[in-house]
């Protein structure tokens, strides 16, 4: 009998095992079943797309839908059953499109009909309506992916990596940045998960290759942002509000924010970022708009507590949405991949509804707030690289700590605040993603004019953090693992997961991960990671600092 739901893809997995009644992210069993069915459907499409590519044929519409489907399954993205059902019907259309592409190519090149695939995800046909799709999805939960718990663990590691990479690639594609190798890998690796002959070693290799391909994906994403908005620069961001009409933008999507700024210019509306949009304040191409007023609120998990106090319009453009508080649903919109039942979803690039809503609402108060610095991407850091290297050589900087990653609601994340506070004053802290909200409002001072806290950006900007680490290794003519650098990372969802795979692909060892280790990593697979990469859980701030500093 099919289980109502079982999901363990994020750090909030219930009891550290898995959510089997209701997702701690907010998704119910119906949404969970539909998202399981999306993975099943994507596998089927990947089988045919991979076979077609082996014959030299590809289809851009199929490729791009794969990113859409993968992004839909990322935690805190889509909670709307009817919207997911529509995407599932399109998934089937893309599978049939890839099937025809393969069959036509085979007939043309081989002179004979393509062999029939008679079982597995490639044979999937969707049920007719949302309720029937939910029932169908309950037949394809994660425990149907493989019977061996260790092989299942490595398949989950691969698939969750693909979800995160798919999200990054979706953003890059939005700006015209694509790479055929990325699409080819997505098809080949997803198709491999349907092969009963594939082994644990095969999926370990594919997971590390996923990390490699994600590095290329994040590079494309960075290039897209840089070409469109210029490279981030250190800039001061106000955390208060300005008197007047307001729109707050939450999520990760910078082109969407740019378009909203263009359309709202001159209308007497101030635009604010929220959550992971904070690093947008470091891009000159966005800061040139005089009505881009700064940042409102803290991390994504506090939205239901903080957004009721924002009188203006609110729009979410990617993941990190939670169940909205009733006090602001009348002024809330979604856009892009994110969806919530009953909330208006804006299609395309016309933001008139959110602008009109903002104009109809009361003014926000004039309430200036704290100023914090953002914009320390790798290009900004490279400009002071000489001073940084000299500071290390003369002993002014003893060590670098990368403390960042996804934030979350589960207890135990105060560890990262405590750790940052206890980092010695002769050490520099690099941070990125929403995990920085645990400590980015604290005062850390500087070392010879170099700020001790360097905000590298979003999770989408992890490429910059990697570039900084690699540049330091070059400057000191050593390997990254030999640098005075400790990586202590928080994780929540699949983008953090695939960034970890990228770090493992690069051979980086000694990473400490928390607040807990992924529930989908079996004891045997964890042992492999410990033995080969010295990957381990966080302990206490004091113990981890002592270990990092060799005390």
Protein backbone atom coordinates (compact mmCIF):
# COMPACT_ATOMS: atom_id res chain seq x y z
CA UNK A 1 0.00 0.00 0.00
CA UNK A 2 1.36 3.45 -0.93
CA UNK A 3 2.46 5.68 1.96
CA UNK A 4 0.56 8.97 2.38
CA UNK A 5 3.85 10.87 2.12
CA UNK A 6 7.49 10.55 2.98
CA UNK A 7 9.96 13.34 2.30
CA UNK A 8 13.45 13.81 3.67
CA UNK A 9 15.03 16.09 1.09
CA UNK A 10 15.54 19.10 3.40
CA UNK A 11 17.17 19.72 6.77
CA UNK A 12 13.82 20.01 8.53
CA UNK A 13 12.99 16.32 8.04
CA UNK A 14 10.75 15.37 10.97
CA UNK A 15 12.60 13.66 13.82
CA UNK A 16 15.70 13.74 11.63
CA UNK A 17 14.13 10.89 9.61
CA UNK A 18 11.47 12.25 7.26
CA UNK A 19 8.12 14.03 7.12
CA UNK A 20 5.34 11.43 6.87
CA UNK A 21 2.24 13.32 8.04
CA UNK A 22 2.80 16.92 6.99
CA UNK A 23 5.92 18.55 5.63
CA UNK A 24 7.69 20.88 8.04
CA UNK A 25 8.09 23.14 5.00
CA UNK A 26 4.30 23.37 4.80
CA UNK A 27 3.56 20.96 1.95
CA UNK A 28 0.73 18.52 2.56
CA UNK A 29 0.57 14.88 1.42
CA UNK A 30 -1.25 15.87 -1.77
CA UNK A 31 1.47 18.27 -2.87
CA UNK A 32 4.12 15.75 -1.82
CA UNK A 33 2.54 13.08 -4.03
CA UNK A 34 2.41 15.44 -7.01
CA UNK A 35 6.06 16.39 -6.55
CA UNK A 36 7.03 12.71 -6.34
CA UNK A 37 5.17 12.22 -9.61
CA UNK A 38 7.10 15.13 -11.13
CA UNK A 39 10.38 13.34 -10.45
CA UNK A 40 8.93 10.18 -12.00
CA UNK A 41 7.81 12.08 -15.08
CA UNK A 42 11.14 13.86 -15.45
CA UNK A 43 12.94 10.51 -15.34
CA UNK A 44 10.79 9.28 -18.22
CA UNK A 45 11.45 12.39 -20.28
CA UNK A 46 15.18 12.09 -19.51
CA UNK A 47 15.29 8.50 -20.79
CA UNK A 48 14.10 9.54 -24.24
CA UNK A 49 16.01 12.83 -24.31
CA UNK A 50 19.23 10.98 -23.48
CA UNK A 51 18.63 8.37 -26.17
CA UNK A 52 17.93 11.15 -28.68
CA UNK A 53 21.12 12.97 -27.73
CA UNK A 54 23.10 9.79 -28.27
CA UNK A 55 21.84 10.00 -31.85
CA UNK A 56 22.81 13.66 -32.08
CA UNK A 57 19.30 15.07 -31.62
CA UNK A 58 18.16 17.56 -29.01
CA UNK A 59 15.17 19.78 -28.34
CA UNK A 60 15.42 23.13 -26.58
CA UNK A 61 11.86 23.05 -25.29
CA UNK A 62 12.43 19.66 -23.65
CA UNK A 63 15.75 20.81 -22.19
CA UNK A 64 14.31 23.95 -20.66
CA UNK A 65 11.29 22.16 -19.27
CA UNK A 66 13.61 19.82 -17.39
CA UNK A 67 14.90 22.85 -15.48
CA UNK A 68 11.35 24.00 -14.80
CA UNK A 69 10.36 20.58 -13.50
CA UNK A 70 13.45 20.20 -11.32
CA UNK A 71 12.99 23.68 -9.85
CA UNK A 72 9.33 22.91 -9.08
CA UNK A 73 10.42 20.07 -6.77
CA UNK A 74 12.87 22.22 -4.74
CA UNK A 75 11.76 22.78 -1.15
CA UNK A 76 9.58 25.86 -0.49
CA UNK A 77 8.78 26.51 -4.14
CA UNK A 78 5.39 25.23 -5.28
CA UNK A 79 2.55 24.42 -2.90
CA UNK A 80 -0.33 24.74 -5.40
CA UNK A 81 -1.73 21.32 -6.43
CA UNK A 82 -3.51 22.62 -9.52
CA UNK A 83 -0.42 24.45 -10.73
CA UNK A 84 1.75 21.35 -10.26
CA UNK A 85 -0.90 19.27 -12.06
CA UNK A 86 -0.65 21.59 -15.07
CA UNK A 87 3.11 21.21 -15.04
CA UNK A 88 2.75 17.43 -14.89
CA UNK A 89 0.63 17.45 -18.03
CA UNK A 90 3.33 19.47 -19.75
CA UNK A 91 5.94 17.04 -18.42
CA UNK A 92 4.10 14.26 -20.23
CA UNK A 93 3.98 16.34 -23.41
CA UNK A 94 7.75 16.87 -23.18
CA UNK A 95 8.29 13.14 -22.64
CA UNK A 96 6.27 12.35 -25.75
CA UNK A 97 8.14 15.03 -27.66
CA UNK A 98 11.49 13.53 -26.65
CA UNK A 99 10.17 10.07 -27.51
CA UNK A 100 9.22 11.17 -31.03
CA UNK A 101 12.58 12.85 -31.44
CA UNK A 102 14.35 9.63 -30.51
CA UNK A 103 12.13 7.38 -32.60
CA UNK A 104 12.40 9.56 -35.70
CA UNK A 105 16.19 9.82 -35.37
CA UNK A 106 16.50 6.06 -34.91
CA UNK A 107 14.37 5.31 -37.95
CA UNK A 108 16.26 7.83 -40.04
CA UNK A 109 19.76 6.81 -38.97
CA UNK A 110 19.36 3.08 -38.36
CA UNK A 111 16.73 2.32 -40.97
CA UNK A 112 14.55 0.50 -38.45
CA UNK A 113 12.01 1.33 -35.72
CA UNK A 114 13.44 2.20 -32.31
CA UNK A 115 13.22 -0.58 -29.70
CA UNK A 116 10.13 -0.24 -27.52
CA UNK A 117 10.57 0.69 -23.85
CA UNK A 118 7.94 -1.32 -22.02
CA UNK A 119 8.51 -0.51 -18.35
CA UNK A 120 9.67 2.22 -16.01
CA UNK A 121 9.10 5.99 -16.01
CA UNK A 122 9.40 6.20 -19.80
CA UNK A 123 6.00 4.46 -20.06
CA UNK A 124 4.24 6.92 -17.74
CA UNK A 125 0.91 8.40 -18.80
CA UNK A 126 -0.59 11.00 -16.44
CA UNK A 127 -3.98 10.62 -14.84
CA UNK A 128 -6.72 12.96 -15.96
CA UNK A 129 -7.24 15.43 -13.12
CA UNK A 130 -5.50 16.74 -10.01
CA UNK A 131 -7.10 14.22 -7.63
CA UNK A 132 -6.21 11.29 -9.87
CA UNK A 133 -2.66 12.62 -10.28
CA UNK A 134 -2.32 12.73 -6.50
CA UNK A 135 -3.38 9.09 -6.27
CA UNK A 136 -0.96 8.23 -9.05
CA UNK A 137 1.90 10.11 -7.39
CA UNK A 138 1.51 8.08 -4.21
CA UNK A 139 2.78 5.08 -6.16
CA UNK A 140 6.15 6.72 -6.85
CA UNK A 141 7.59 7.85 -3.52
CA UNK A 142 11.31 7.76 -2.84
CA UNK A 143 11.27 4.18 -1.55
CA UNK A 144 10.31 3.03 -5.04
CA UNK A 145 13.55 4.49 -6.42
CA UNK A 146 15.63 1.54 -5.19
CA UNK A 147 15.36 -1.28 -2.67
CA UNK A 148 18.96 -1.17 -1.41
CA UNK A 149 19.18 1.62 1.24
CA UNK A 150 22.74 2.56 0.29
CA UNK A 151 22.04 2.72 -3.43
CA UNK A 152 18.85 4.65 -2.62
CA UNK A 153 20.93 7.08 -0.57
CA UNK A 154 23.28 7.77 -3.48
CA UNK A 155 20.35 8.13 -5.89
CA UNK A 156 18.79 10.69 -3.55
CA UNK A 157 22.10 12.54 -3.30
CA UNK A 158 22.22 12.70 -7.10
CA UNK A 159 18.59 13.70 -7.63
CA UNK A 160 18.62 16.38 -4.93
CA UNK A 161 21.81 17.69 -6.50
CA UNK A 162 20.02 17.88 -9.84
CA UNK A 163 17.16 19.80 -8.21
CA UNK A 164 19.56 22.44 -6.91
CA UNK A 165 21.52 22.61 -10.15
CA UNK A 166 18.28 22.83 -12.10
CA UNK A 167 17.27 25.88 -10.06
CA UNK A 168 20.62 27.61 -10.73
CA UNK A 169 20.40 26.71 -14.43
CA UNK A 170 16.83 28.04 -14.62
CA UNK A 171 18.07 31.41 -13.39
CA UNK A 172 20.99 31.37 -15.82
CA UNK A 173 18.76 30.45 -18.76
CA UNK A 174 16.54 33.41 -17.91
CA UNK A 175 19.50 35.60 -18.93
CA UNK A 176 20.40 33.61 -22.03
CA UNK A 177 23.17 31.61 -20.40
CA UNK A 178 23.01 27.92 -21.35
CA UNK A 179 25.42 25.05 -21.91
CA UNK A 180 24.54 21.91 -23.86
CA UNK A 181 26.75 19.84 -21.56
CA UNK A 182 24.53 20.75 -18.61
CA UNK A 183 21.41 19.58 -20.38
CA UNK A 184 23.15 16.41 -21.59
CA UNK A 185 24.26 15.60 -18.04
CA UNK A 186 20.78 16.16 -16.58
CA UNK A 187 19.26 13.74 -19.10
CA UNK A 188 22.02 11.14 -18.77
CA UNK A 189 22.11 11.13 -14.96
CA UNK A 190 18.32 11.13 -14.49
CA UNK A 191 18.03 8.32 -17.02
CA UNK A 192 20.65 6.36 -15.05
CA UNK A 193 18.35 6.35 -12.01
CA UNK A 194 15.93 4.18 -14.02
CA UNK A 195 18.62 1.60 -14.86
CA UNK A 196 18.36 -1.46 -12.55
CA UNK A 197 21.95 -2.37 -13.42
CA UNK A 198 23.43 0.93 -12.17
CA UNK A 199 25.48 0.51 -8.99
CA UNK A 200 26.22 2.53 -5.89
CA UNK A 201 29.61 3.41 -7.38
CA UNK A 202 27.88 4.67 -10.53
CA UNK A 203 25.74 7.06 -8.51
CA UNK A 204 28.66 8.24 -6.38
CA UNK A 205 30.49 9.10 -9.60
CA UNK A 206 27.42 10.83 -11.03
CA UNK A 207 26.94 12.82 -7.82
CA UNK A 208 30.50 14.13 -7.99
CA UNK A 209 30.00 14.87 -11.67
CA UNK A 210 26.87 16.76 -10.67
CA UNK A 211 29.10 18.91 -8.47
CA UNK A 212 31.37 19.54 -11.46
CA UNK A 213 28.49 20.48 -13.73
CA UNK A 214 27.04 22.72 -11.02
CA UNK A 215 30.28 24.68 -10.92
CA UNK A 216 29.81 25.44 -14.62
CA UNK A 217 26.14 26.26 -13.99
CA UNK A 218 26.98 28.73 -11.22
CA UNK A 219 29.66 30.28 -13.44
CA UNK A 220 27.03 30.91 -16.14
CA UNK A 221 24.67 32.37 -13.57
CA UNK A 222 27.35 34.73 -12.29
CA UNK A 223 28.22 35.78 -15.83
CA UNK A 224 24.59 36.52 -16.57
CA UNK A 225 24.24 38.74 -13.51
CA UNK A 226 27.55 40.50 -14.18
CA UNK A 227 26.79 41.25 -17.82
CA UNK A 228 23.30 42.48 -17.05
CA UNK A 229 23.80 44.30 -13.74
CA UNK A 230 27.61 44.76 -13.41
CA UNK A 231 29.71 42.92 -10.84
CA UNK A 232 28.67 43.45 -7.21
CA UNK A 233 30.44 46.24 -5.33
CA UNK A 234 30.61 46.86 -1.58
CA UNK A 235 27.61 49.01 -0.75
CA UNK A 236 25.77 50.04 2.38
CA UNK A 237 22.16 48.86 2.74
CA UNK A 238 19.57 50.47 4.97
CA UNK A 239 17.37 48.06 6.91
CA UNK A 240 14.58 50.52 7.64
CA UNK A 241 11.74 51.97 5.58
CA UNK A 242 11.17 55.28 3.85
CA UNK A 243 7.94 57.20 4.10
CA UNK A 244 5.73 56.37 1.13
CA UNK A 245 4.26 53.53 -0.89
CA UNK A 246 6.21 50.28 -0.89
CA UNK A 247 6.81 46.93 -2.57
CA UNK A 248 8.93 44.23 -0.99
CA UNK A 249 10.47 41.51 -3.18
CA UNK A 250 11.44 38.14 -1.73
CA UNK A 251 13.24 35.23 -3.35
CA UNK A 252 16.35 35.16 -5.55
CA UNK A 253 15.48 36.46 -9.02
CA UNK A 254 17.47 39.58 -9.93
CA UNK A 255 16.14 40.13 -13.49
CA UNK A 256 12.60 40.14 -12.10
CA UNK A 257 13.62 42.80 -9.55
CA UNK A 258 15.24 44.86 -12.30
CA UNK A 259 12.07 44.76 -14.38
CA UNK A 260 9.92 45.73 -11.41
CA UNK A 261 12.24 48.67 -10.72
CA UNK A 262 11.90 49.81 -14.34
CA UNK A 263 8.11 49.57 -14.32
CA UNK A 264 7.68 51.27 -10.93
CA UNK A 265 10.11 54.13 -11.61
CA UNK A 266 8.58 57.56 -11.17
CA UNK A 267 5.40 56.24 -9.57
CA UNK A 268 6.18 57.26 -5.99
CA UNK A 269 6.86 53.70 -4.84
CA UNK A 270 9.90 52.55 -2.88
CA UNK A 271 11.09 48.98 -3.59
CA UNK A 272 12.73 46.83 -0.90
CA UNK A 273 14.37 43.44 -0.90
CA UNK A 274 13.59 40.67 1.58
CA UNK A 275 15.31 37.43 2.55
CA UNK A 276 17.77 36.15 -0.05
CA UNK A 277 17.22 39.24 -2.19
CA UNK A 278 19.45 41.24 0.19
CA UNK A 279 22.60 40.85 -2.01
CA UNK A 280 20.72 42.53 -4.89
CA UNK A 281 21.63 45.78 -3.14
CA UNK A 282 25.26 45.27 -4.17
CA UNK A 283 24.62 45.38 -7.93
CA UNK A 284 25.24 48.82 -9.54
CA UNK A 285 22.73 47.98 -12.27
CA UNK A 286 20.01 47.82 -9.61
CA UNK A 287 21.24 50.49 -7.23
CA UNK A 288 21.06 53.09 -10.01
CA UNK A 289 17.30 53.25 -9.41
CA UNK A 290 16.71 55.99 -6.84
CA UNK A 291 13.55 54.31 -5.54
CA UNK A 292 15.43 51.10 -4.66
CA UNK A 293 15.24 51.83 -0.96
CA UNK A 294 17.04 49.00 0.81
CA UNK A 295 16.06 45.84 2.67
CA UNK A 296 13.18 44.84 4.91
CA UNK A 297 13.16 41.98 7.41
CA UNK A 298 15.53 39.14 8.14
CA UNK A 299 15.55 35.52 6.96
CA UNK A 300 12.87 33.67 4.99
CA UNK A 301 11.58 31.66 7.94
CA UNK A 302 10.53 34.86 9.75
CA UNK A 303 8.28 36.10 6.95
CA UNK A 304 4.96 35.28 8.62
CA UNK A 305 6.07 37.24 11.67
CA UNK A 306 7.62 40.20 9.82
CA UNK A 307 5.57 40.76 6.66
CA UNK A 308 2.35 41.70 8.53
CA UNK A 309 4.26 44.84 9.53
CA UNK A 310 4.94 45.79 5.90
CA UNK A 311 2.04 47.93 4.68
CA UNK A 312 2.91 47.67 1.00
CA UNK A 313 2.59 45.03 -1.70
CA UNK A 314 4.59 41.80 -1.43
CA UNK A 315 5.86 39.53 -4.19
CA UNK A 316 7.77 36.24 -4.03
CA UNK A 317 9.75 35.40 -7.14
CA UNK A 318 11.31 32.02 -6.28
CA UNK A 319 11.56 29.56 -3.43
CA UNK A 320 11.48 30.35 0.31
CA UNK A 321 7.74 31.02 0.54
CA UNK A 322 5.89 29.80 3.63
CA UNK A 323 2.19 29.61 4.42
CA UNK A 324 1.16 33.27 4.30
CA UNK A 325 -0.37 34.90 7.34
CA UNK A 326 -3.94 35.95 6.65
CA UNK A 327 -3.03 39.55 7.47
CA UNK A 328 -1.19 40.05 4.17
CA UNK A 329 -2.66 37.58 1.66
CA UNK A 330 -4.70 40.43 0.14
CA UNK A 331 -1.50 42.18 -0.98
CA UNK A 332 0.64 39.14 -1.81
CA UNK A 333 1.65 37.92 -5.28
CA UNK A 334 3.83 35.13 -6.63
CA UNK A 335 5.87 35.00 -9.83
CA UNK A 336 8.14 32.54 -11.63
CA UNK A 337 8.38 29.03 -10.20
CA UNK A 338 6.84 29.80 -6.83
CA UNK A 339 3.11 29.26 -6.20
CA UNK A 340 0.72 29.08 -3.26
CA UNK A 341 -2.98 28.14 -3.47
CA UNK A 342 -5.28 31.16 -3.65
CA UNK A 343 -2.47 33.69 -4.14
CA UNK A 344 -2.46 35.60 -7.46
CA UNK A 345 0.36 34.38 -9.70
CA UNK A 346 1.77 36.86 -12.21
CA UNK A 347 2.70 35.39 -15.57
CA UNK A 348 5.23 37.06 -17.82
CA UNK A 349 6.93 40.36 -17.11
CA UNK A 350 4.05 42.75 -16.55
CA UNK A 351 4.04 43.84 -12.90
CA UNK A 352 1.15 46.27 -13.17
CA UNK A 353 -1.01 44.35 -10.63
CA UNK A 354 1.61 44.56 -7.87
CA UNK A 355 2.34 48.22 -8.68
CA UNK A 356 -1.36 49.12 -8.62
CA UNK A 357 -1.80 47.26 -5.34
CA UNK A 358 1.11 49.19 -3.79
CA UNK A 359 -0.40 52.49 -4.89
CA UNK A 360 -3.73 51.56 -3.27
CA UNK A 361 -2.21 50.77 0.13
CA UNK A 362 -1.27 53.07 3.03
CA UNK A 363 2.18 54.63 3.14
CA UNK A 364 4.99 52.97 5.02
CA UNK A 365 6.42 55.03 7.90
CA UNK A 366 9.69 56.95 7.69
CA UNK A 367 11.77 54.63 9.85
CA UNK A 368 15.51 54.60 9.03
CA UNK A 369 17.30 51.48 10.17
CA UNK A 370 20.73 50.00 10.64
CA UNK A 371 23.23 50.11 7.76
CA UNK A 372 25.08 46.93 6.77
CA UNK A 373 27.56 46.17 3.98
CA UNK A 374 26.96 43.78 1.07
CA UNK A 375 28.61 43.24 -2.30
CA UNK A 376 31.84 41.39 -1.58
CA UNK A 377 31.77 39.14 -4.63
CA UNK A 378 35.04 37.71 -5.87
CA UNK A 379 35.80 40.66 -8.13
CA UNK A 380 35.47 43.09 -5.24
CA UNK A 381 37.67 40.90 -3.06
CA UNK A 382 40.24 40.52 -5.84
CA UNK A 383 40.67 44.32 -5.86
CA UNK A 384 42.08 44.14 -2.33
CA UNK A 385 43.74 40.75 -2.74
CA UNK A 386 47.22 42.20 -2.29
CA UNK A 387 46.31 43.74 1.04
CA UNK A 388 44.64 40.49 2.14
CA UNK A 389 47.69 38.39 1.22
CA UNK A 390 50.02 40.84 2.99
CA UNK A 391 47.80 40.78 6.08
CA UNK A 392 48.05 36.99 6.19
CA UNK A 393 51.80 37.00 5.67
CA UNK A 394 52.42 39.56 8.41
CA UNK A 395 50.10 37.79 10.82
CA UNK A 396 47.35 40.43 10.92
CA UNK A 397 44.90 37.87 9.52
CA UNK A 398 45.28 34.48 11.14
CA UNK A 399 42.50 32.54 9.46
CA UNK A 400 39.44 32.74 7.24
CA UNK A 401 36.11 31.22 8.23
CA UNK A 402 33.42 30.58 5.63
CA UNK A 403 30.25 30.58 7.73
CA UNK A 404 27.17 30.51 5.53
CA UNK A 405 24.54 28.51 3.74
CA UNK A 406 20.79 28.17 4.11
CA UNK A 407 18.99 29.40 7.19
CA UNK A 408 15.99 27.57 8.63
CA UNK A 409 13.44 27.45 11.39
CA UNK A 410 14.60 24.36 13.28
CA UNK A 411 16.34 24.85 16.61
CA UNK A 412 20.12 24.62 16.76
CA UNK A 413 20.92 27.35 14.25
CA UNK A 414 21.91 29.77 17.02
CA UNK A 415 25.18 27.80 16.82
CA UNK A 416 26.15 29.85 13.74
CA UNK A 417 25.57 33.15 15.56
CA UNK A 418 27.62 31.95 18.51
CA UNK A 419 30.39 30.71 16.23
CA UNK A 420 30.61 34.02 14.35
CA UNK A 421 30.67 35.98 17.61
CA UNK A 422 33.50 33.83 18.98
CA UNK A 423 35.71 33.89 15.89
CA UNK A 424 38.90 35.66 17.05
CA UNK A 425 39.32 39.29 16.04
CA UNK A 426 42.36 38.45 13.90
CA UNK A 427 40.21 36.26 11.63
CA UNK A 428 38.01 37.17 8.66
CA UNK A 429 34.52 35.73 8.15
CA UNK A 430 33.23 35.09 4.63
CA UNK A 431 29.51 34.50 4.42
CA UNK A 432 26.89 33.83 1.78
CA UNK A 433 23.27 32.76 1.38
CA UNK A 434 20.57 33.40 3.96
CA UNK A 435 22.54 31.79 6.79
CA UNK A 436 24.27 35.14 7.21
CA UNK A 437 21.06 36.55 8.68
CA UNK A 438 22.05 34.86 11.92
CA UNK A 439 24.87 37.38 12.42
CA UNK A 440 25.10 39.97 9.64
CA UNK A 441 23.66 42.71 11.84
CA UNK A 442 26.44 42.32 14.40
CA UNK A 443 29.47 44.62 14.44
CA UNK A 444 32.70 42.80 13.57
CA UNK A 445 35.02 45.71 12.82
CA UNK A 446 37.94 45.45 10.41
CA UNK A 447 41.55 44.36 10.10
CA UNK A 448 43.67 47.11 8.59
CA UNK A 449 40.68 48.49 6.72
CA UNK A 450 39.50 45.07 5.53
CA UNK A 451 36.03 44.34 6.96
CA UNK A 452 36.06 41.22 9.12
CA UNK A 453 32.66 40.19 7.72
CA UNK A 454 32.54 39.89 3.94
CA UNK A 455 29.08 39.17 2.50
CA UNK A 456 29.71 37.26 -0.75
CA UNK A 457 26.02 37.19 -1.73
CA UNK A 458 23.13 34.77 -2.30
CA UNK A 459 23.34 31.00 -2.49
CA UNK A 460 23.20 31.80 -6.23
CA UNK A 461 26.55 33.57 -5.74
CA UNK A 462 28.40 30.58 -4.26
CA UNK A 463 30.59 30.66 -7.38
CA UNK A 464 32.20 33.81 -5.97
CA UNK A 465 33.08 32.12 -2.69
CA UNK A 466 34.70 29.27 -4.58
CA UNK A 467 36.62 31.71 -6.78
CA UNK A 468 37.91 33.51 -3.67
CA UNK A 469 39.12 30.23 -2.15
CA UNK A 470 40.83 29.17 -5.38
CA UNK A 471 42.45 32.61 -5.75
CA UNK A 472 43.81 32.46 -2.22
CA UNK A 473 45.28 29.05 -2.96
CA UNK A 474 46.97 30.48 -6.07
CA UNK A 475 48.31 33.45 -4.13
CA UNK A 476 49.87 31.22 -1.50
CA UNK A 477 50.91 28.58 -4.04
CA UNK A 478 49.15 25.78 -2.20
CA UNK A 479 46.03 23.63 -2.37
CA UNK A 480 42.73 24.90 -0.98
CA UNK A 481 42.94 22.27 1.75
CA UNK A 482 46.25 23.82 2.89
CA UNK A 483 44.84 27.33 3.27
CA UNK A 484 44.13 28.87 6.67
CA UNK A 485 40.44 28.41 5.81
CA UNK A 486 37.66 26.62 7.64
CA UNK A 487 34.28 25.93 6.04
CA UNK A 488 31.38 25.62 8.45
CA UNK A 489 28.16 25.45 6.50
CA UNK A 490 24.48 25.46 7.30
CA UNK A 491 22.09 23.79 4.92
CA UNK A 492 18.37 23.65 4.38
CA UNK A 493 17.47 22.66 0.82
CA UNK A 494 18.79 21.36 -2.45
CA UNK A 495 20.78 24.35 -3.66
CA UNK A 496 22.95 24.10 -0.55
CA UNK A 497 23.17 20.36 -1.20
CA UNK A 498 24.51 20.76 -4.75
CA UNK A 499 26.99 23.43 -3.64
CA UNK A 500 28.35 20.85 -1.20
CA UNK A 501 28.68 18.40 -4.11
CA UNK A 502 30.66 21.07 -5.96
CA UNK A 503 33.02 21.47 -3.01
CA UNK A 504 33.49 17.69 -2.86
CA UNK A 505 34.14 17.60 -6.61
CA UNK A 506 36.91 20.16 -6.02
CA UNK A 507 38.40 17.86 -3.41
CA UNK A 508 37.83 20.22 -0.49
CA UNK A 509 38.05 18.42 2.82
CA UNK A 510 37.26 19.12 6.44
CA UNK A 511 33.87 20.77 5.88
CA UNK A 512 31.61 20.90 8.93
CA UNK A 513 27.89 20.76 8.21
CA UNK A 514 24.88 21.54 10.36
CA UNK A 515 22.66 21.89 12.23
CA UNK A 516 22.16 18.20 11.37
CA UNK A 517 23.36 15.88 8.65
CA UNK A 518 21.00 14.94 5.80
CA UNK A 519 18.50 12.23 6.70
CA UNK A 520 18.94 10.69 3.25
CA UNK A 521 22.62 9.89 3.78
CA UNK A 522 22.82 6.29 4.97
CA UNK A 523 25.39 5.32 7.64
CA UNK A 524 27.52 3.51 5.05
CA UNK A 525 27.48 6.46 2.63
CA UNK A 526 28.26 8.83 5.51
CA UNK A 527 31.23 6.67 6.41
CA UNK A 528 32.46 7.00 2.81
CA UNK A 529 32.19 10.79 3.03
CA UNK A 530 34.00 10.89 6.36
CA UNK A 531 36.79 8.62 5.18
CA UNK A 532 37.32 10.38 1.84
CA UNK A 533 36.46 14.01 2.61
CA UNK A 534 36.59 14.38 6.39
CA UNK A 535 33.02 15.66 6.16
CA UNK A 536 31.40 15.82 9.56
CA UNK A 537 28.71 17.43 11.68
CA UNK A 538 29.12 20.60 13.67
CA UNK A 539 29.61 20.08 17.40
CA UNK A 540 29.80 23.17 19.62
CA UNK A 541 31.10 26.58 18.67
CA UNK A 542 33.96 26.23 21.16
CA UNK A 543 35.03 22.78 20.01
CA UNK A 544 34.83 23.61 16.31
CA UNK A 545 36.82 26.80 16.80
CA UNK A 546 39.48 24.98 18.78
CA UNK A 547 39.73 22.37 16.05
CA UNK A 548 39.95 25.01 13.30
CA UNK A 549 42.58 27.04 15.12
CA UNK A 550 44.62 24.01 16.13
CA UNK A 551 44.14 24.77 19.80
